[in-house]
Amino acid sequence: MNTSKSKILLVSVFLLFSFNLFAQSDKFNRLSAEISTGLHVPLAPGDGISRSKYIAFKQFQLSGRYMFSKKMGIKGHFGFNRFADPDKKNTAVSFSRLGLEGVLNVGSLLNLDYHIREKVGLLFHTGVGVTFANPSGTTSTDKIGNILAGFTGLVRLNNTMALSGDMTYISNIRQHYGYNGASLNAGEKGTSGGFVNVSIGIMFYLGEHRYHSDWY
């Protein structure tokens, strides 16, 4: 198993066991795990790139979520993005991100009719993260702070699974390399940037009760 796959496995196990520490008996399950993938859209900085070439299905995310109540919870995730120009070699950068976010169940907060909430759901999530960026052609690692915000739509498949669709904006703080892997020459403080992830995935509900808080 290579180093990258080992890191992903370790992060997944850490997330699962961390959330299990907070598990408690209730009328509904509080834990869930999600795997998702999709495309990303770089927005800024645009130095030296044609943005349309960097829109690609080269991102995925593993997440664990714990709901304190039907209305709010917390979410930890590991995300990976690789931005690359398909027409040029060695013009790429890989982002490995760890994040922690607060989660709000929009349907419960708005007290929508249960007949709607038992089939579809909407979660709002926002928080912070840190990205380790590895540009091509160098052994340097750029450490980038992140601020994230997004919405996750849910379609209930059964009591243990749901289909998820997500759109998240990820703001990069102190970014030193562009999406082509080239230095931005932004000095020690770096520059700000950002991109959008559009994902589809599967949510797995964990616990001994019949329903998860998303559908209770």
C-alpha atoms as a PDB file:
ATOM      1  CA  MET A   1       0.000   0.000   0.000  1.00  0.00           C
ATOM      2  CA  ASN A   2       1.511   3.381  -0.999  1.00  0.00           C
ATOM      3  CA  THR A   3       1.864   6.339   1.354  1.00  0.00           C
ATOM      4  CA  SER A   4      -1.143   8.215  -0.055  1.00  0.00           C
ATOM      5  CA  LYS A   5      -3.517   5.264   0.382  1.00  0.00           C
ATOM      6  CA  SER A   6      -2.166   4.647   3.886  1.00  0.00           C
ATOM      7  CA  LYS A   7      -2.922   8.238   4.882  1.00  0.00           C
ATOM      8  CA  ILE A   8      -6.487   7.965   3.558  1.00  0.00           C
ATOM      9  CA  LEU A   9      -7.080   4.719   5.481  1.00  0.00           C
ATOM     10  CA  LEU A  10      -5.688   6.161   8.717  1.00  0.00           C
ATOM     11  CA  VAL A  11      -7.788   9.319   8.411  1.00  0.00           C
ATOM     12  CA  SER A  12     -10.938   7.250   7.749  1.00  0.00           C
ATOM     13  CA  VAL A  13     -10.359   5.077  10.823  1.00  0.00           C
ATOM     14  CA  PHE A  14      -9.567   8.151  12.951  1.00  0.00           C
ATOM     15  CA  LEU A  15     -12.783   9.902  11.922  1.00  0.00           C
ATOM     16  CA  LEU A  16     -14.936   6.863  12.616  1.00  0.00           C
ATOM     17  CA  PHE A  17     -13.496   6.154  16.058  1.00  0.00           C
ATOM     18  CA  SER A  18     -13.446   9.842  17.042  1.00  0.00           C
ATOM     19  CA  PHE A  19     -17.163  10.221  16.387  1.00  0.00           C
ATOM     20  CA  ASN A  20     -17.943   6.940  18.149  1.00  0.00           C
ATOM     21  CA  LEU A  21     -16.449   8.393  21.330  1.00  0.00           C
ATOM     22  CA  PHE A  22     -19.346  10.844  21.426  1.00  0.00           C
ATOM     23  CA  ALA A  23     -22.079   8.371  20.611  1.00  0.00           C
ATOM     24  CA  GLN A  24     -24.941   8.185  23.079  1.00  0.00           C
ATOM     25  CA  SER A  25     -28.248   6.387  23.463  1.00  0.00           C
ATOM     26  CA  ASP A  26     -31.254   8.216  22.027  1.00  0.00           C
ATOM     27  CA  LYS A  27     -34.360   7.715  19.938  1.00  0.00           C
ATOM     28  CA  PHE A  28     -32.400   8.257  16.720  1.00  0.00           C
ATOM     29  CA  ASN A  29     -28.922   7.577  15.372  1.00  0.00           C
ATOM     30  CA  ARG A  30     -26.434  10.444  15.362  1.00  0.00           C
ATOM     31  CA  LEU A  31     -23.501   9.097  13.349  1.00  0.00           C
ATOM     32  CA  SER A  32     -23.004   8.976   9.596  1.00  0.00           C
ATOM     33  CA  ALA A  33     -20.171   8.446   7.145  1.00  0.00           C
ATOM     34  CA  GLU A  34     -20.002   9.708   3.572  1.00  0.00           C
ATOM     35  CA  ILE A  35     -17.890   9.103   0.502  1.00  0.00           C
ATOM     36  CA  SER A  36     -18.228  11.444  -2.451  1.00  0.00           C
ATOM     37  CA  THR A  37     -16.559  12.416  -5.711  1.00  0.00           C
ATOM     38  CA  GLY A  38     -17.114  14.905  -8.498  1.00  0.00           C
ATOM     39  CA  LEU A  39     -15.619  17.842 -10.314  1.00  0.00           C
ATOM     40  CA  HIS A  40     -13.868  20.996  -9.172  1.00  0.00           C
ATOM     41  CA  VAL A  41     -13.851  24.496 -10.658  1.00  0.00           C
ATOM     42  CA  PRO A  42     -10.840  26.744  -9.915  1.00  0.00           C
ATOM     43  CA  LEU A  43     -11.822  30.400  -9.486  1.00  0.00           C
ATOM     44  CA  ALA A  44      -8.763  32.248  -8.209  1.00  0.00           C
ATOM     45  CA  PRO A  45      -5.912  32.863  -8.659  1.00  0.00           C
ATOM     46  CA  GLY A  46      -6.000  32.522 -12.428  1.00  0.00           C
ATOM     47  CA  ASP A  47      -2.285  33.128 -13.034  1.00  0.00           C
ATOM     48  CA  GLY A  48      -0.942  31.217 -16.037  1.00  0.00           C
ATOM     49  CA  ILE A  49      -3.946  28.945 -16.567  1.00  0.00           C
ATOM     50  CA  SER A  50      -6.983  28.565 -18.774  1.00  0.00           C
ATOM     51  CA  ARG A  51      -9.602  27.811 -16.104  1.00  0.00           C
ATOM     52  CA  SER A  52     -11.754  25.670 -18.401  1.00  0.00           C
ATOM     53  CA  LYS A  53      -8.899  23.166 -18.801  1.00  0.00           C
ATOM     54  CA  TYR A  54      -8.687  22.672 -15.045  1.00  0.00           C
ATOM     55  CA  ILE A  55     -12.357  21.827 -14.544  1.00  0.00           C
ATOM     56  CA  ALA A  56     -12.193  18.069 -14.062  1.00  0.00           C
ATOM     57  CA  PHE A  57     -13.490  15.039 -12.164  1.00  0.00           C
ATOM     58  CA  LYS A  58     -10.384  14.799  -9.996  1.00  0.00           C
ATOM     59  CA  GLN A  59     -11.615  15.200  -6.432  1.00  0.00           C
ATOM     60  CA  PHE A  60     -13.041  13.014  -3.692  1.00  0.00           C
ATOM     61  CA  GLN A  61     -13.872  13.313  -0.011  1.00  0.00           C
ATOM     62  CA  LEU A  62     -14.339  11.040   3.009  1.00  0.00           C
ATOM     63  CA  SER A  63     -16.436  12.469   5.854  1.00  0.00           C
ATOM     64  CA  GLY A  64     -17.750  11.565   9.274  1.00  0.00           C
ATOM     65  CA  ARG A  65     -20.616  13.455  10.956  1.00  0.00           C
ATOM     66  CA  TYR A  66     -22.071  13.523  14.472  1.00  0.00           C
ATOM     67  CA  MET A  67     -25.395  15.276  15.167  1.00  0.00           C
ATOM     68  CA  PHE A  68     -25.843  16.777  18.635  1.00  0.00           C
ATOM     69  CA  SER A  69     -29.557  17.122  17.887  1.00  0.00           C
ATOM     70  CA  LYS A  70     -31.921  16.979  14.905  1.00  0.00           C
ATOM     71  CA  LYS A  71     -30.870  20.531  14.020  1.00  0.00           C
ATOM     72  CA  MET A  72     -27.102  20.756  14.431  1.00  0.00           C
ATOM     73  CA  GLY A  73     -23.935  18.734  14.471  1.00  0.00           C
ATOM     74  CA  ILE A  74     -20.265  18.572  13.566  1.00  0.00           C
ATOM     75  CA  LYS A  75     -18.430  17.102  10.586  1.00  0.00           C
ATOM     76  CA  GLY A  76     -14.816  16.089   9.972  1.00  0.00           C
ATOM     77  CA  HIS A  77     -13.447  15.339   6.520  1.00  0.00           C
ATOM     78  CA  PHE A  78     -10.465  14.420   4.396  1.00  0.00           C
ATOM     79  CA  GLY A  79     -10.562  15.796   0.857  1.00  0.00           C
ATOM     80  CA  PHE A  80      -8.302  15.404  -2.165  1.00  0.00           C
ATOM     81  CA  ASN A  81      -8.099  17.529  -5.327  1.00  0.00           C
ATOM     82  CA  ARG A  82      -5.659  17.302  -8.223  1.00  0.00           C
ATOM     83  CA  PHE A  83      -5.574  20.235 -10.621  1.00  0.00           C
ATOM     84  CA  ALA A  84      -3.794  19.531 -13.915  1.00  0.00           C
ATOM     85  CA  ASP A  85      -3.617  20.801 -17.494  1.00  0.00           C
ATOM     86  CA  PRO A  86      -4.505  17.805 -19.723  1.00  0.00           C
ATOM     87  CA  ASP A  87      -2.407  19.234 -22.582  1.00  0.00           C
ATOM     88  CA  LYS A  88       0.823  19.749 -20.654  1.00  0.00           C
ATOM     89  CA  LYS A  89       2.961  17.505 -18.502  1.00  0.00           C
ATOM     90  CA  ASN A  90       4.235  18.604 -15.104  1.00  0.00           C
ATOM     91  CA  THR A  91       1.686  21.402 -14.769  1.00  0.00           C
ATOM     92  CA  ALA A  92      -0.283  20.188 -11.780  1.00  0.00           C
ATOM     93  CA  VAL A  93      -0.778  20.471  -8.034  1.00  0.00           C
ATOM     94  CA  SER A  94      -2.342  18.051  -5.546  1.00  0.00           C
ATOM     95  CA  PHE A  95      -4.327  19.279  -2.533  1.00  0.00           C
ATOM     96  CA  SER A  96      -4.804  17.048   0.537  1.00  0.00           C
ATOM     97  CA  ARG A  97      -7.197  18.711   2.999  1.00  0.00           C
ATOM     98  CA  LEU A  98      -8.334  18.074   6.559  1.00  0.00           C
ATOM     99  CA  GLY A  99     -11.342  20.040   7.789  1.00  0.00           C
ATOM    100  CA  LEU A 100     -13.776  20.476  10.665  1.00  0.00           C
ATOM    101  CA  GLU A 101     -17.214  22.015  10.104  1.00  0.00           C
ATOM    102  CA  GLY A 102     -20.433  22.794  11.882  1.00  0.00           C
ATOM    103  CA  VAL A 103     -23.597  21.359  10.291  1.00  0.00           C
ATOM    104  CA  LEU A 104     -27.174  22.653  10.322  1.00  0.00           C
ATOM    105  CA  ASN A 105     -30.209  20.655   9.185  1.00  0.00           C
ATOM    106  CA  VAL A 106     -32.094  23.302   7.200  1.00  0.00           C
ATOM    107  CA  GLY A 107     -35.353  21.331   7.050  1.00  0.00           C
ATOM    108  CA  SER A 108     -35.505  20.909  10.823  1.00  0.00           C
ATOM    109  CA  LEU A 109     -34.548  24.534  11.455  1.00  0.00           C
ATOM    110  CA  LEU A 110     -37.337  25.734   9.144  1.00  0.00           C
ATOM    111  CA  ASN A 111     -39.732  23.147  10.613  1.00  0.00           C
ATOM    112  CA  LEU A 112     -40.717  21.861   7.174  1.00  0.00           C
ATOM    113  CA  ASP A 113     -43.551  19.358   6.938  1.00  0.00           C
ATOM    114  CA  TYR A 114     -42.446  15.862   7.939  1.00  0.00           C
ATOM    115  CA  HIS A 115     -43.799  14.361   4.711  1.00  0.00           C
ATOM    116  CA  ILE A 116     -41.150  16.425   2.889  1.00  0.00           C
ATOM    117  CA  ARG A 117     -38.354  15.833   5.394  1.00  0.00           C
ATOM    118  CA  GLU A 118     -38.828  12.054   5.428  1.00  0.00           C
ATOM    119  CA  LYS A 119     -37.788  11.835   1.756  1.00  0.00           C
ATOM    120  CA  VAL A 120     -35.414  14.741   1.025  1.00  0.00           C
ATOM    121  CA  GLY A 121     -33.105  16.807   3.206  1.00  0.00           C
ATOM    122  CA  LEU A 122     -30.807  19.814   3.047  1.00  0.00           C
ATOM    123  CA  LEU A 123     -27.754  20.420   5.214  1.00  0.00           C
ATOM    124  CA  PHE A 124     -25.702  23.603   5.481  1.00  0.00           C
ATOM    125  CA  HIS A 125     -22.079  23.203   6.558  1.00  0.00           C
ATOM    126  CA  THR A 126     -19.259  25.650   7.208  1.00  0.00           C
ATOM    127  CA  GLY A 127     -15.914  25.556   8.960  1.00  0.00           C
ATOM    128  CA  VAL A 128     -12.157  25.632   8.607  1.00  0.00           C
ATOM    129  CA  GLY A 129      -9.446  23.374   7.285  1.00  0.00           C
ATOM    130  CA  VAL A 130      -5.812  23.034   6.348  1.00  0.00           C
ATOM    131  CA  THR A 131      -4.520  21.942   2.940  1.00  0.00           C
ATOM    132  CA  PHE A 132      -1.151  20.399   2.143  1.00  0.00           C
ATOM    133  CA  ALA A 133      -0.402  21.278  -1.485  1.00  0.00           C
ATOM    134  CA  ASN A 134       2.221  19.369  -3.486  1.00  0.00           C
ATOM    135  CA  PRO A 135       3.088  21.059  -6.805  1.00  0.00           C
ATOM    136  CA  SER A 136       4.574  19.036  -9.647  1.00  0.00           C
ATOM    137  CA  GLY A 137       8.286  19.289 -10.296  1.00  0.00           C
ATOM    138  CA  THR A 138       9.199  20.078  -6.685  1.00  0.00           C
ATOM    139  CA  THR A 139       9.337  18.387  -3.303  1.00  0.00           C
ATOM    140  CA  SER A 140       7.937  21.481  -1.560  1.00  0.00           C
ATOM    141  CA  THR A 141       4.713  21.289   0.445  1.00  0.00           C
ATOM    142  CA  ASP A 142       2.590  24.419   0.671  1.00  0.00           C
ATOM    143  CA  LYS A 143       0.490  24.667   3.843  1.00  0.00           C
ATOM    144  CA  ILE A 144      -2.751  26.545   3.137  1.00  0.00           C
ATOM    145  CA  GLY A 145      -5.484  27.590   5.551  1.00  0.00           C
ATOM    146  CA  ASN A 146      -9.085  27.102   4.401  1.00  0.00           C
ATOM    147  CA  ILE A 147     -12.533  28.518   5.093  1.00  0.00           C
ATOM    148  CA  LEU A 148     -15.355  26.354   3.703  1.00  0.00           C
ATOM    149  CA  ALA A 149     -19.089  26.723   3.221  1.00  0.00           C
ATOM    150  CA  GLY A 150     -21.604  24.662   1.285  1.00  0.00           C
ATOM    151  CA  PHE A 151     -24.922  22.869   1.003  1.00  0.00           C
ATOM    152  CA  THR A 152     -25.581  19.127   0.892  1.00  0.00           C
ATOM    153  CA  GLY A 153     -28.832  17.807  -0.547  1.00  0.00           C
ATOM    154  CA  LEU A 154     -30.025  14.360   0.547  1.00  0.00           C
ATOM    155  CA  VAL A 155     -32.397  11.826  -1.000  1.00  0.00           C
ATOM    156  CA  ARG A 156     -33.299   8.994   1.374  1.00  0.00           C
ATOM    157  CA  LEU A 157     -32.799   5.544  -0.151  1.00  0.00           C
ATOM    158  CA  ASN A 158     -33.601   3.518   2.982  1.00  0.00           C
ATOM    159  CA  ASN A 159     -32.945   3.665   6.731  1.00  0.00           C
ATOM    160  CA  THR A 160     -29.215   3.097   6.334  1.00  0.00           C
ATOM    161  CA  MET A 161     -28.303   5.021   3.174  1.00  0.00           C
ATOM    162  CA  ALA A 162     -28.990   8.262   1.335  1.00  0.00           C
ATOM    163  CA  LEU A 163     -27.842   9.755  -1.948  1.00  0.00           C
ATOM    164  CA  SER A 164     -26.015  13.051  -1.438  1.00  0.00           C
ATOM    165  CA  GLY A 165     -25.272  15.978  -3.723  1.00  0.00           C
ATOM    166  CA  ASP A 166     -23.014  18.772  -2.519  1.00  0.00           C
ATOM    167  CA  MET A 167     -21.677  22.148  -3.626  1.00  0.00           C
ATOM    168  CA  THR A 168     -18.931  23.677  -1.491  1.00  0.00           C
ATOM    169  CA  TYR A 169     -16.822  26.814  -1.874  1.00  0.00           C
ATOM    170  CA  ILE A 170     -13.309  26.429  -0.469  1.00  0.00           C
ATOM    171  CA  SER A 171     -11.335  29.579   0.207  1.00  0.00           C
ATOM    172  CA  ASN A 172      -7.538  29.268   0.222  1.00  0.00           C
ATOM    173  CA  ILE A 173      -5.543  31.495   2.578  1.00  0.00           C
ATOM    174  CA  ARG A 174      -1.806  32.076   2.028  1.00  0.00           C
ATOM    175  CA  GLN A 175      -1.600  30.120  -1.232  1.00  0.00           C
ATOM    176  CA  HIS A 176       1.904  30.128  -2.780  1.00  0.00           C
ATOM    177  CA  TYR A 177       1.431  27.917  -5.860  1.00  0.00           C
ATOM    178  CA  GLY A 178      -1.073  28.165  -8.702  1.00  0.00           C
ATOM    179  CA  TYR A 179      -3.281  25.409 -10.082  1.00  0.00           C
ATOM    180  CA  ASN A 180      -0.580  24.636 -12.657  1.00  0.00           C
ATOM    181  CA  GLY A 181       1.952  23.948  -9.905  1.00  0.00           C
ATOM    182  CA  ALA A 182       3.953  27.094 -10.647  1.00  0.00           C
ATOM    183  CA  SER A 183       5.058  29.518  -7.954  1.00  0.00           C
ATOM    184  CA  LEU A 184       2.834  32.580  -7.680  1.00  0.00           C
ATOM    185  CA  ASN A 185       5.778  34.692  -6.454  1.00  0.00           C
ATOM    186  CA  ALA A 186       3.453  36.050  -3.794  1.00  0.00           C
ATOM    187  CA  GLY A 187       6.064  36.432  -1.077  1.00  0.00           C
ATOM    188  CA  GLU A 188       5.970  34.970   2.409  1.00  0.00           C
ATOM    189  CA  LYS A 189       2.316  35.925   3.013  1.00  0.00           C
ATOM    190  CA  GLY A 190       1.105  34.249  -0.187  1.00  0.00           C
ATOM    191  CA  THR A 191      -2.171  35.174  -1.843  1.00  0.00           C
ATOM    192  CA  SER A 192      -5.827  34.293  -1.434  1.00  0.00           C
ATOM    193  CA  GLY A 193      -7.674  31.989  -3.807  1.00  0.00           C
ATOM    194  CA  GLY A 194     -10.564  29.606  -4.000  1.00  0.00           C
ATOM    195  CA  PHE A 195     -12.393  26.892  -5.909  1.00  0.00           C
ATOM    196  CA  VAL A 196     -15.726  25.087  -5.934  1.00  0.00           C
ATOM    197  CA  ASN A 197     -16.318  21.369  -5.445  1.00  0.00           C
ATOM    198  CA  VAL A 198     -19.468  19.836  -6.969  1.00  0.00           C
ATOM    199  CA  SER A 199     -19.937  16.303  -5.691  1.00  0.00           C
ATOM    200  CA  ILE A 200     -22.233  13.308  -5.586  1.00  0.00           C
ATOM    201  CA  GLY A 201     -21.929  10.569  -3.012  1.00  0.00           C
ATOM    202  CA  ILE A 202     -23.434   8.037  -0.648  1.00  0.00           C
ATOM    203  CA  MET A 203     -24.272   8.689   2.999  1.00  0.00           C
ATOM    204  CA  PHE A 204     -24.148   5.700   5.354  1.00  0.00           C
ATOM    205  CA  TYR A 205     -26.062   5.894   8.644  1.00  0.00           C
ATOM    206  CA  LEU A 206     -24.574   4.150  11.679  1.00  0.00           C
ATOM    207  CA  GLY A 207     -26.299   3.047  14.858  1.00  0.00           C
ATOM    208  CA  GLU A 208     -28.774   0.635  16.416  1.00  0.00           C
ATOM    209  CA  HIS A 209     -31.922   2.731  16.028  1.00  0.00           C
ATOM    210  CA  ARG A 210     -34.267   2.621  13.056  1.00  0.00           C
ATOM    211  CA  TYR A 211     -33.823   6.249  11.952  1.00  0.00           C
ATOM    212  CA  HIS A 212     -31.000   8.740  11.769  1.00  0.00           C
ATOM    213  CA  SER A 213     -31.599  12.291  12.987  1.00  0.00           C
ATOM    214  CA  ASP A 214     -31.718  13.429   9.327  1.00  0.00           C
ATOM    215  CA  TRP A 215     -35.057  11.628   8.927  1.00  0.00           C
ATOM    216  CA  TYR A 216     -36.462  11.555  12.452  1.00  0.00           C
END
